[in-house]
Amino acid sequence: MEKKDEILTMASSVCQGKLEVPTDKEVEALREMKAIKKRVRILKRRLDELAPSGDKEVELEQRQLKAELAGLKTKWDEWETKRQKAAKERMVLLGHEKGIEDPV
């Protein structure tokens, strides 16, 4: 019920003007995902530059880079979920998909 109220509140605020496509939520998610992608490219480039040498410092940096990449993958998945949710809300508001049905 709470989710339906949220969607109805969004719909009433949208009805006063036009719905922007993509929505602010989608833009935020896409912006964050773009920043993550940029950081991943930098980290992967650095990882490729580090040849296996048996040097402890190099190995430590490789582990740190891999750990950061894993963290960025988690963040990417979170933002992808938020983006999909925002896209679904937009489609409901536009009437292209059904929203949450009343259980009554």
PDB file of N, CA and C in Angstrom:
ATOM      1  N   MET A   1       0.829  -1.188   0.000  1.00  0.00           N
ATOM      2  CA  MET A   1       0.000   0.000   0.000  1.00  0.00           C
ATOM      3  C   MET A   1       0.869   1.246   0.000  1.00  0.00           C
ATOM      4  N   GLU A   2       1.949   1.202   0.759  1.00  0.00           N
ATOM      5  CA  GLU A   2       2.852   2.354   0.842  1.00  0.00           C
ATOM      6  C   GLU A   2       3.437   2.668  -0.524  1.00  0.00           C
ATOM      7  N   LYS A   3       3.812   1.650  -1.293  1.00  0.00           N
ATOM      8  CA  LYS A   3       4.400   1.826  -2.624  1.00  0.00           C
ATOM      9  C   LYS A   3       3.377   2.454  -3.568  1.00  0.00           C
ATOM     10  N   LYS A   4       2.134   2.019  -3.474  1.00  0.00           N
ATOM     11  CA  LYS A   4       1.092   2.557  -4.331  1.00  0.00           C
ATOM     12  C   LYS A   4       0.879   4.037  -4.022  1.00  0.00           C
ATOM     13  N   ASP A   5       0.887   4.399  -2.746  1.00  0.00           N
ATOM     14  CA  ASP A   5       0.738   5.799  -2.357  1.00  0.00           C
ATOM     15  C   ASP A   5       1.878   6.650  -2.920  1.00  0.00           C
ATOM     16  N   GLU A   6       3.092   6.090  -2.891  1.00  0.00           N
ATOM     17  CA  GLU A   6       4.253   6.809  -3.424  1.00  0.00           C
ATOM     18  C   GLU A   6       4.091   7.063  -4.921  1.00  0.00           C
ATOM     19  N   ILE A   7       3.630   6.050  -5.643  1.00  0.00           N
ATOM     20  CA  ILE A   7       3.435   6.197  -7.089  1.00  0.00           C
ATOM     21  C   ILE A   7       2.324   7.189  -7.383  1.00  0.00           C
ATOM     22  N   LEU A   8       1.243   7.124  -6.602  1.00  0.00           N
ATOM     23  CA  LEU A   8       0.150   8.074  -6.809  1.00  0.00           C
ATOM     24  C   LEU A   8       0.589   9.501  -6.512  1.00  0.00           C
ATOM     25  N   THR A   9       1.417   9.684  -5.496  1.00  0.00           N
ATOM     26  CA  THR A   9       1.945  11.012  -5.177  1.00  0.00           C
ATOM     27  C   THR A   9       2.801  11.511  -6.325  1.00  0.00           C
ATOM     28  N   MET A  10       3.618  10.628  -6.867  1.00  0.00           N
ATOM     29  CA  MET A  10       4.455  11.008  -8.004  1.00  0.00           C
ATOM     30  C   MET A  10       3.585  11.379  -9.201  1.00  0.00           C
ATOM     31  N   ALA A  11       2.545  10.604  -9.427  1.00  0.00           N
ATOM     32  CA  ALA A  11       1.670  10.851 -10.568  1.00  0.00           C
ATOM     33  C   ALA A  11       0.972  12.190 -10.441  1.00  0.00           C
ATOM     34  N   SER A  12       0.518  12.528  -9.247  1.00  0.00           N
ATOM     35  CA  SER A  12      -0.178  13.800  -9.074  1.00  0.00           C
ATOM     36  C   SER A  12       0.764  14.975  -9.266  1.00  0.00           C
ATOM     37  N   SER A  13       2.022  14.809  -8.869  1.00  0.00           N
ATOM     38  CA  SER A  13       2.974  15.903  -9.072  1.00  0.00           C
ATOM     39  C   SER A  13       3.359  16.019 -10.539  1.00  0.00           C
ATOM     40  N   VAL A  14       3.335  14.906 -11.260  1.00  0.00           N
ATOM     41  CA  VAL A  14       3.675  14.925 -12.675  1.00  0.00           C
ATOM     42  C   VAL A  14       2.536  15.510 -13.499  1.00  0.00           C
ATOM     43  N   CYS A  15       1.320  15.256 -13.094  1.00  0.00           N
ATOM     44  CA  CYS A  15       0.168  15.714 -13.856  1.00  0.00           C
ATOM     45  C   CYS A  15       0.126  17.234 -13.975  1.00  0.00           C
ATOM     46  N   GLN A  16       0.802  17.931 -13.075  1.00  0.00           N
ATOM     47  CA  GLN A  16       0.815  19.385 -13.134  1.00  0.00           C
ATOM     48  C   GLN A  16       1.681  19.884 -14.277  1.00  0.00           C
ATOM     49  N   GLY A  17       2.538  19.064 -14.790  1.00  0.00           N
ATOM     50  CA  GLY A  17       3.417  19.429 -15.891  1.00  0.00           C
ATOM     51  C   GLY A  17       3.751  18.180 -16.668  1.00  0.00           C
ATOM     52  N   LYS A  18       4.699  18.310 -17.557  1.00  0.00           N
ATOM     53  CA  LYS A  18       5.083  17.149 -18.351  1.00  0.00           C
ATOM     54  C   LYS A  18       6.113  16.322 -17.606  1.00  0.00           C
ATOM     55  N   LEU A  19       6.075  15.028 -17.851  1.00  0.00           N
ATOM     56  CA  LEU A  19       7.050  14.110 -17.276  1.00  0.00           C
ATOM     57  C   LEU A  19       8.295  14.159 -18.141  1.00  0.00           C
ATOM     58  N   GLU A  20       9.418  14.439 -17.497  1.00  0.00           N
ATOM     59  CA  GLU A  20      10.678  14.466 -18.227  1.00  0.00           C
ATOM     60  C   GLU A  20      11.177  13.044 -18.409  1.00  0.00           C
ATOM     61  N   VAL A  21      11.674  12.789 -19.609  1.00  0.00           N
ATOM     62  CA  VAL A  21      12.220  11.477 -19.913  1.00  0.00           C
ATOM     63  C   VAL A  21      13.655  11.676 -20.341  1.00  0.00           C
ATOM     64  N   PRO A  22      14.625  11.079 -19.726  1.00  0.00           N
ATOM     65  CA  PRO A  22      14.513  10.255 -18.538  1.00  0.00           C
ATOM     66  C   PRO A  22      14.209  11.095 -17.305  1.00  0.00           C
ATOM     67  N   THR A  23      13.709  10.450 -16.281  1.00  0.00           N
ATOM     68  CA  THR A  23      13.357  11.158 -15.047  1.00  0.00           C
ATOM     69  C   THR A  23      14.622  11.538 -14.280  1.00  0.00           C
ATOM     70  N   ASP A  24      14.453  12.385 -13.285  1.00  0.00           N
ATOM     71  CA  ASP A  24      15.593  12.800 -12.460  1.00  0.00           C
ATOM     72  C   ASP A  24      16.268  11.604 -11.795  1.00  0.00           C
ATOM     73  N   LYS A  25      15.463  10.651 -11.353  1.00  0.00           N
ATOM     74  CA  LYS A  25      16.022   9.449 -10.715  1.00  0.00           C
ATOM     75  C   LYS A  25      16.849   8.644 -11.715  1.00  0.00           C
ATOM     76  N   GLU A  26      16.340   8.538 -12.945  1.00  0.00           N
ATOM     77  CA  GLU A  26      17.079   7.809 -13.969  1.00  0.00           C
ATOM     78  C   GLU A  26      18.381   8.529 -14.321  1.00  0.00           C
ATOM     79  N   VAL A  27      18.309   9.836 -14.428  1.00  0.00           N
ATOM     80  CA  VAL A  27      19.502  10.622 -14.744  1.00  0.00           C
ATOM     81  C   VAL A  27      20.543  10.464 -13.648  1.00  0.00           C
ATOM     82  N   GLU A  28      20.110  10.512 -12.391  1.00  0.00           N
ATOM     83  CA  GLU A  28      21.039  10.342 -11.276  1.00  0.00           C
ATOM     84  C   GLU A  28      21.729   8.980 -11.351  1.00  0.00           C
ATOM     85  N   ALA A  29      20.937   7.935 -11.590  1.00  0.00           N
ATOM     86  CA  ALA A  29      21.503   6.585 -11.670  1.00  0.00           C
ATOM     87  C   ALA A  29      22.469   6.479 -12.842  1.00  0.00           C
ATOM     88  N   LEU A  30      22.090   7.012 -13.982  1.00  0.00           N
ATOM     89  CA  LEU A  30      22.960   6.952 -15.151  1.00  0.00           C
ATOM     90  C   LEU A  30      24.250   7.733 -14.938  1.00  0.00           C
ATOM     91  N   ARG A  31      24.146   8.867 -14.257  1.00  0.00           N
ATOM     92  CA  ARG A  31      25.330   9.678 -13.959  1.00  0.00           C
ATOM     93  C   ARG A  31      26.289   8.900 -13.055  1.00  0.00           C
ATOM     94  N   GLU A  32      25.745   8.263 -12.034  1.00  0.00           N
ATOM     95  CA  GLU A  32      26.578   7.473 -11.117  1.00  0.00           C
ATOM     96  C   GLU A  32      27.199   6.276 -11.834  1.00  0.00           C
ATOM     97  N   MET A  33      26.424   5.633 -12.691  1.00  0.00           N
ATOM     98  CA  MET A  33      26.931   4.484 -13.427  1.00  0.00           C
ATOM     99  C   MET A  33      28.044   4.900 -14.393  1.00  0.00           C
ATOM    100  N   LYS A  34      27.909   6.058 -14.989  1.00  0.00           N
ATOM    101  CA  LYS A  34      28.945   6.569 -15.885  1.00  0.00           C
ATOM    102  C   LYS A  34      30.233   6.836 -15.110  1.00  0.00           C
ATOM    103  N   ALA A  35      30.114   7.409 -13.916  1.00  0.00           N
ATOM    104  CA  ALA A  35      31.294   7.677 -13.075  1.00  0.00           C
ATOM    105  C   ALA A  35      31.964   6.369 -12.661  1.00  0.00           C
ATOM    106  N   ILE A  36      31.161   5.361 -12.335  1.00  0.00           N
ATOM    107  CA  ILE A  36      31.708   4.059 -11.967  1.00  0.00           C
ATOM    108  C   ILE A  36      32.460   3.462 -13.157  1.00  0.00           C
ATOM    109  N   LYS A  37      31.852   3.534 -14.327  1.00  0.00           N
ATOM    110  CA  LYS A  37      32.479   2.981 -15.527  1.00  0.00           C
ATOM    111  C   LYS A  37      33.817   3.661 -15.813  1.00  0.00           C
ATOM    112  N   LYS A  38      33.856   4.964 -15.632  1.00  0.00           N
ATOM    113  CA  LYS A  38      35.098   5.713 -15.853  1.00  0.00           C
ATOM    114  C   LYS A  38      36.176   5.241 -14.883  1.00  0.00           C
ATOM    115  N   ARG A  39      35.812   5.074 -13.605  1.00  0.00           N
ATOM    116  CA  ARG A  39      36.763   4.632 -12.593  1.00  0.00           C
ATOM    117  C   ARG A  39      37.238   3.204 -12.882  1.00  0.00           C
ATOM    118  N   VAL A  40      36.338   2.341 -13.329  1.00  0.00           N
ATOM    119  CA  VAL A  40      36.692   0.963 -13.662  1.00  0.00           C
ATOM    120  C   VAL A  40      37.717   0.942 -14.790  1.00  0.00           C
ATOM    121  N   ARG A  41      37.509   1.764 -15.798  1.00  0.00           N
ATOM    122  CA  ARG A  41      38.466   1.814 -16.913  1.00  0.00           C
ATOM    123  C   ARG A  41      39.856   2.208 -16.432  1.00  0.00           C
ATOM    124  N   ILE A  42      39.915   3.196 -15.546  1.00  0.00           N
ATOM    125  CA  ILE A  42      41.203   3.647 -15.004  1.00  0.00           C
ATOM    126  C   ILE A  42      41.871   2.515 -14.223  1.00  0.00           C
ATOM    127  N   LEU A  43      41.099   1.847 -13.370  1.00  0.00           N
ATOM    128  CA  LEU A  43      41.651   0.769 -12.551  1.00  0.00           C
ATOM    129  C   LEU A  43      42.119  -0.410 -13.404  1.00  0.00           C
ATOM    130  N   LYS A  44      41.336  -0.763 -14.410  1.00  0.00           N
ATOM    131  CA  LYS A  44      41.718  -1.877 -15.276  1.00  0.00           C
ATOM    132  C   LYS A  44      42.978  -1.542 -16.077  1.00  0.00           C
ATOM    133  N   ARG A  45      43.061  -0.310 -16.523  1.00  0.00           N
ATOM    134  CA  ARG A  45      44.249   0.118 -17.249  1.00  0.00           C
ATOM    135  C   ARG A  45      45.487  -0.021 -16.357  1.00  0.00           C
ATOM    136  N   ARG A  46      45.357   0.435 -15.118  1.00  0.00           N
ATOM    137  CA  ARG A  46      46.469   0.336 -14.174  1.00  0.00           C
ATOM    138  C   ARG A  46      46.803  -1.121 -13.886  1.00  0.00           C
ATOM    139  N   LEU A  47      45.797  -1.950 -13.737  1.00  0.00           N
ATOM    140  CA  LEU A  47      46.016  -3.371 -13.471  1.00  0.00           C
ATOM    141  C   LEU A  47      46.760  -4.023 -14.638  1.00  0.00           C
ATOM    142  N   ASP A  48      46.404  -3.646 -15.857  1.00  0.00           N
ATOM    143  CA  ASP A  48      47.086  -4.175 -17.043  1.00  0.00           C
ATOM    144  C   ASP A  48      48.544  -3.736 -17.100  1.00  0.00           C
ATOM    145  N   GLU A  49      48.827  -2.538 -16.583  1.00  0.00           N
ATOM    146  CA  GLU A  49      50.196  -2.025 -16.578  1.00  0.00           C
ATOM    147  C   GLU A  49      51.092  -2.780 -15.601  1.00  0.00           C
ATOM    148  N   LEU A  50      50.506  -3.343 -14.581  1.00  0.00           N
ATOM    149  CA  LEU A  50      51.280  -4.036 -13.553  1.00  0.00           C
ATOM    150  C   LEU A  50      51.545  -5.482 -13.984  1.00  0.00           C
ATOM    151  N   ALA A  51      52.730  -5.713 -14.473  1.00  0.00           N
ATOM    152  CA  ALA A  51      53.099  -7.062 -14.886  1.00  0.00           C
ATOM    153  C   ALA A  51      53.448  -7.892 -13.654  1.00  0.00           C
ATOM    154  N   PRO A  52      53.098  -9.167 -13.682  1.00  0.00           N
ATOM    155  CA  PRO A  52      53.482 -10.022 -12.552  1.00  0.00           C
ATOM    156  C   PRO A  52      55.014 -10.039 -12.415  1.00  0.00           C
ATOM    157  N   SER A  53      55.480  -9.608 -11.262  1.00  0.00           N
ATOM    158  CA  SER A  53      56.924  -9.508 -11.087  1.00  0.00           C
ATOM    159  C   SER A  53      57.409 -10.193  -9.817  1.00  0.00           C
ATOM    160  N   GLY A  54      56.516 -10.607  -8.982  1.00  0.00           N
ATOM    161  CA  GLY A  54      56.900 -11.204  -7.723  1.00  0.00           C
ATOM    162  C   GLY A  54      57.204 -10.159  -6.654  1.00  0.00           C
ATOM    163  N   ASP A  55      57.129  -8.888  -7.048  1.00  0.00           N
ATOM    164  CA  ASP A  55      57.374  -7.785  -6.118  1.00  0.00           C
ATOM    165  C   ASP A  55      56.174  -7.666  -5.178  1.00  0.00           C
ATOM    166  N   LYS A  56      56.450  -7.613  -3.883  1.00  0.00           N
ATOM    167  CA  LYS A  56      55.382  -7.544  -2.870  1.00  0.00           C
ATOM    168  C   LYS A  56      54.532  -6.290  -3.035  1.00  0.00           C
ATOM    169  N   GLU A  57      55.150  -5.161  -3.348  1.00  0.00           N
ATOM    170  CA  GLU A  57      54.396  -3.911  -3.509  1.00  0.00           C
ATOM    171  C   GLU A  57      53.465  -3.982  -4.709  1.00  0.00           C
ATOM    172  N   VAL A  58      53.940  -4.586  -5.792  1.00  0.00           N
ATOM    173  CA  VAL A  58      53.112  -4.745  -6.995  1.00  0.00           C
ATOM    174  C   VAL A  58      51.932  -5.669  -6.689  1.00  0.00           C
ATOM    175  N   GLU A  59      52.210  -6.762  -6.009  1.00  0.00           N
ATOM    176  CA  GLU A  59      51.147  -7.699  -5.654  1.00  0.00           C
ATOM    177  C   GLU A  59      50.115  -7.046  -4.735  1.00  0.00           C
ATOM    178  N   LEU A  60      50.580  -6.231  -3.808  1.00  0.00           N
ATOM    179  CA  LEU A  60      49.675  -5.521  -2.911  1.00  0.00           C
ATOM    180  C   LEU A  60      48.792  -4.558  -3.700  1.00  0.00           C
ATOM    181  N   GLU A  61      49.396  -3.817  -4.611  1.00  0.00           N
ATOM    182  CA  GLU A  61      48.611  -2.884  -5.428  1.00  0.00           C
ATOM    183  C   GLU A  61      47.604  -3.629  -6.289  1.00  0.00           C
ATOM    184  N   GLN A  62      47.988  -4.776  -6.835  1.00  0.00           N
ATOM    185  CA  GLN A  62      47.060  -5.577  -7.644  1.00  0.00           C
ATOM    186  C   GLN A  62      45.863  -6.040  -6.804  1.00  0.00           C
ATOM    187  N   ARG A  63      46.142  -6.491  -5.592  1.00  0.00           N
ATOM    188  CA  ARG A  63      45.044  -6.924  -4.705  1.00  0.00           C
ATOM    189  C   ARG A  63      44.125  -5.757  -4.374  1.00  0.00           C
ATOM    190  N   GLN A  64      44.714  -4.586  -4.117  1.00  0.00           N
ATOM    191  CA  GLN A  64      43.906  -3.407  -3.803  1.00  0.00           C
ATOM    192  C   GLN A  64      43.043  -3.003  -4.997  1.00  0.00           C
ATOM    193  N   LEU A  65      43.629  -3.041  -6.189  1.00  0.00           N
ATOM    194  CA  LEU A  65      42.878  -2.693  -7.395  1.00  0.00           C
ATOM    195  C   LEU A  65      41.724  -3.672  -7.611  1.00  0.00           C
ATOM    196  N   LYS A  66      41.991  -4.950  -7.422  1.00  0.00           N
ATOM    197  CA  LYS A  66      40.949  -5.964  -7.601  1.00  0.00           C
ATOM    198  C   LYS A  66      39.839  -5.805  -6.557  1.00  0.00           C
ATOM    199  N   ALA A  67      40.219  -5.455  -5.344  1.00  0.00           N
ATOM    200  CA  ALA A  67      39.217  -5.235  -4.294  1.00  0.00           C
ATOM    201  C   ALA A  67      38.353  -4.024  -4.626  1.00  0.00           C
ATOM    202  N   GLU A  68      38.990  -2.969  -5.112  1.00  0.00           N
ATOM    203  CA  GLU A  68      38.215  -1.777  -5.489  1.00  0.00           C
ATOM    204  C   GLU A  68      37.290  -2.081  -6.664  1.00  0.00           C
ATOM    205  N   LEU A  69      37.775  -2.865  -7.621  1.00  0.00           N
ATOM    206  CA  LEU A  69      36.924  -3.258  -8.753  1.00  0.00           C
ATOM    207  C   LEU A  69      35.716  -4.056  -8.272  1.00  0.00           C
ATOM    208  N   ALA A  70      35.916  -4.931  -7.304  1.00  0.00           N
ATOM    209  CA  ALA A  70      34.805  -5.721  -6.757  1.00  0.00           C
ATOM    210  C   ALA A  70      33.788  -4.806  -6.075  1.00  0.00           C
ATOM    211  N   GLY A  71      34.285  -3.812  -5.345  1.00  0.00           N
ATOM    212  CA  GLY A  71      33.384  -2.851  -4.700  1.00  0.00           C
ATOM    213  C   GLY A  71      32.605  -2.037  -5.712  1.00  0.00           C
ATOM    214  N   LEU A  72      33.273  -1.666  -6.797  1.00  0.00           N
ATOM    215  CA  LEU A  72      32.593  -0.907  -7.848  1.00  0.00           C
ATOM    216  C   LEU A  72      31.539  -1.755  -8.547  1.00  0.00           C
ATOM    217  N   LYS A  73      31.791  -3.049  -8.673  1.00  0.00           N
ATOM    218  CA  LYS A  73      30.795  -3.955  -9.267  1.00  0.00           C
ATOM    219  C   LYS A  73      29.535  -3.979  -8.404  1.00  0.00           C
ATOM    220  N   THR A  74      29.725  -4.007  -7.096  1.00  0.00           N
ATOM    221  CA  THR A  74      28.582  -3.992  -6.175  1.00  0.00           C
ATOM    222  C   THR A  74      27.812  -2.679  -6.314  1.00  0.00           C
ATOM    223  N   LYS A  75      28.536  -1.560  -6.357  1.00  0.00           N
ATOM    224  CA  LYS A  75      27.878  -0.258  -6.521  1.00  0.00           C
ATOM    225  C   LYS A  75      27.137  -0.199  -7.848  1.00  0.00           C
ATOM    226  N   TRP A  76      27.766  -0.715  -8.903  1.00  0.00           N
ATOM    227  CA  TRP A  76      27.133  -0.728 -10.228  1.00  0.00           C
ATOM    228  C   TRP A  76      25.796  -1.475 -10.158  1.00  0.00           C
ATOM    229  N   ASP A  77      25.811  -2.646  -9.528  1.00  0.00           N
ATOM    230  CA  ASP A  77      24.588  -3.447  -9.417  1.00  0.00           C
ATOM    231  C   ASP A  77      23.503  -2.699  -8.645  1.00  0.00           C
ATOM    232  N   GLU A  78      23.891  -1.990  -7.587  1.00  0.00           N
ATOM    233  CA  GLU A  78      22.927  -1.202  -6.808  1.00  0.00           C
ATOM    234  C   GLU A  78      22.320  -0.098  -7.657  1.00  0.00           C
ATOM    235  N   TRP A  79      23.162   0.623  -8.390  1.00  0.00           N
ATOM    236  CA  TRP A  79      22.658   1.712  -9.237  1.00  0.00           C
ATOM    237  C   TRP A  79      21.837   1.177 -10.405  1.00  0.00           C
ATOM    238  N   GLU A  80      22.183   0.018 -10.929  1.00  0.00           N
ATOM    239  CA  GLU A  80      21.399  -0.586 -12.005  1.00  0.00           C
ATOM    240  C   GLU A  80      20.003  -0.933 -11.492  1.00  0.00           C
ATOM    241  N   THR A  81      19.921  -1.442 -10.285  1.00  0.00           N
ATOM    242  CA  THR A  81      18.623  -1.750  -9.681  1.00  0.00           C
ATOM    243  C   THR A  81      17.803  -0.468  -9.509  1.00  0.00           C
ATOM    244  N   LYS A  82      18.437   0.590  -9.023  1.00  0.00           N
ATOM    245  CA  LYS A  82      17.744   1.874  -8.858  1.00  0.00           C
ATOM    246  C   LYS A  82      17.286   2.422 -10.204  1.00  0.00           C
ATOM    247  N   ARG A  83      18.125   2.278 -11.230  1.00  0.00           N
ATOM    248  CA  ARG A  83      17.762   2.766 -12.565  1.00  0.00           C
ATOM    249  C   ARG A  83      16.557   2.002 -13.104  1.00  0.00           C
ATOM    250  N   GLN A  84      16.577   0.686 -12.939  1.00  0.00           N
ATOM    251  CA  GLN A  84      15.448  -0.125 -13.406  1.00  0.00           C
ATOM    252  C   GLN A  84      14.164   0.233 -12.666  1.00  0.00           C
ATOM    253  N   LYS A  85      14.272   0.473 -11.367  1.00  0.00           N
ATOM    254  CA  LYS A  85      13.113   0.852 -10.570  1.00  0.00           C
ATOM    255  C   LYS A  85      12.559   2.195 -11.056  1.00  0.00           C
ATOM    256  N   ALA A  86      13.439   3.147 -11.319  1.00  0.00           N
ATOM    257  CA  ALA A  86      13.013   4.461 -11.788  1.00  0.00           C
ATOM    258  C   ALA A  86      12.369   4.360 -13.172  1.00  0.00           C
ATOM    259  N   ALA A  87      12.923   3.511 -14.023  1.00  0.00           N
ATOM    260  CA  ALA A  87      12.347   3.325 -15.358  1.00  0.00           C
ATOM    261  C   ALA A  87      10.960   2.691 -15.255  1.00  0.00           C
ATOM    262  N   LYS A  88      10.813   1.748 -14.345  1.00  0.00           N
ATOM    263  CA  LYS A  88       9.510   1.103 -14.133  1.00  0.00           C
ATOM    264  C   LYS A  88       8.488   2.132 -13.643  1.00  0.00           C
ATOM    265  N   GLU A  89       8.897   2.986 -12.692  1.00  0.00           N
ATOM    266  CA  GLU A  89       7.995   4.025 -12.183  1.00  0.00           C
ATOM    267  C   GLU A  89       7.567   4.965 -13.311  1.00  0.00           C
ATOM    268  N   ARG A  90       8.507   5.320 -14.172  1.00  0.00           N
ATOM    269  CA  ARG A  90       8.189   6.202 -15.295  1.00  0.00           C
ATOM    270  C   ARG A  90       7.178   5.536 -16.222  1.00  0.00           C
ATOM    271  N   MET A  91       7.396   4.262 -16.525  1.00  0.00           N
ATOM    272  CA  MET A  91       6.484   3.559 -17.424  1.00  0.00           C
ATOM    273  C   MET A  91       5.085   3.447 -16.824  1.00  0.00           C
ATOM    274  N   VAL A  92       5.002   3.270 -15.504  1.00  0.00           N
ATOM    275  CA  VAL A  92       3.696   3.226 -14.834  1.00  0.00           C
ATOM    276  C   VAL A  92       3.023   4.589 -14.939  1.00  0.00           C
ATOM    277  N   LEU A  93       3.789   5.646 -14.672  1.00  0.00           N
ATOM    278  CA  LEU A  93       3.224   6.999 -14.736  1.00  0.00           C
ATOM    279  C   LEU A  93       2.744   7.361 -16.141  1.00  0.00           C
ATOM    280  N   LEU A  94       3.453   6.860 -17.131  1.00  0.00           N
ATOM    281  CA  LEU A  94       3.060   7.135 -18.513  1.00  0.00           C
ATOM    282  C   LEU A  94       1.924   6.234 -18.984  1.00  0.00           C
ATOM    283  N   GLY A  95       1.595   5.236 -18.162  1.00  0.00           N
ATOM    284  CA  GLY A  95       0.495   4.342 -18.498  1.00  0.00           C
ATOM    285  C   GLY A  95       0.899   3.200 -19.413  1.00  0.00           C
ATOM    286  N   HIS A  96       2.190   2.981 -19.591  1.00  0.00           N
ATOM    287  CA  HIS A  96       2.657   1.904 -20.453  1.00  0.00           C
ATOM    288  C   HIS A  96       2.745   0.555 -19.737  1.00  0.00           C
ATOM    289  N   GLU A  97       2.780   0.596 -18.411  1.00  0.00           N
ATOM    290  CA  GLU A  97       2.809  -0.626 -17.613  1.00  0.00           C
ATOM    291  C   GLU A  97       1.834  -0.474 -16.472  1.00  0.00           C
ATOM    292  N   LYS A  98       1.392  -1.616 -15.962  1.00  0.00           N
ATOM    293  CA  LYS A  98       0.496  -1.577 -14.819  1.00  0.00           C
ATOM    294  C   LYS A  98       1.291  -1.346 -13.558  1.00  0.00           C
ATOM    295  N   GLY A  99       0.692  -0.582 -12.655  1.00  0.00           N
ATOM    296  CA  GLY A  99       1.325  -0.327 -11.360  1.00  0.00           C
ATOM    297  C   GLY A  99       0.956  -1.416 -10.383  1.00  0.00           C
ATOM    298  N   ILE A 100       1.182  -1.148  -9.133  1.00  0.00           N
ATOM    299  CA  ILE A 100       0.846  -2.091  -8.079  1.00  0.00           C
ATOM    300  C   ILE A 100      -0.676  -2.133  -7.943  1.00  0.00           C
ATOM    301  N   GLU A 101      -1.192  -3.318  -8.015  1.00  0.00           N
ATOM    302  CA  GLU A 101      -2.648  -3.510  -7.943  1.00  0.00           C
ATOM    303  C   GLU A 101      -3.110  -3.487  -6.484  1.00  0.00           C
ATOM    304  N   ASP A 102      -4.314  -3.008  -6.258  1.00  0.00           N
ATOM    305  CA  ASP A 102      -4.920  -3.054  -4.938  1.00  0.00           C
ATOM    306  C   ASP A 102      -5.220  -4.501  -4.586  1.00  0.00           C
ATOM    307  N   PRO A 103      -4.802  -4.933  -3.385  1.00  0.00           N
ATOM    308  CA  PRO A 103      -5.052  -6.324  -3.003  1.00  0.00           C
ATOM    309  C   PRO A 103      -6.513  -6.604  -2.709  1.00  0.00           C
ATOM    310  N   VAL A 104      -7.367  -5.592  -2.714  1.00  0.00           N
ATOM    311  CA  VAL A 104      -8.778  -5.755  -2.378  1.00  0.00           C
ATOM    312  C   VAL A 104      -9.571  -6.310  -3.525  1.00  0.00           C
TER     313      VAL A 104
END
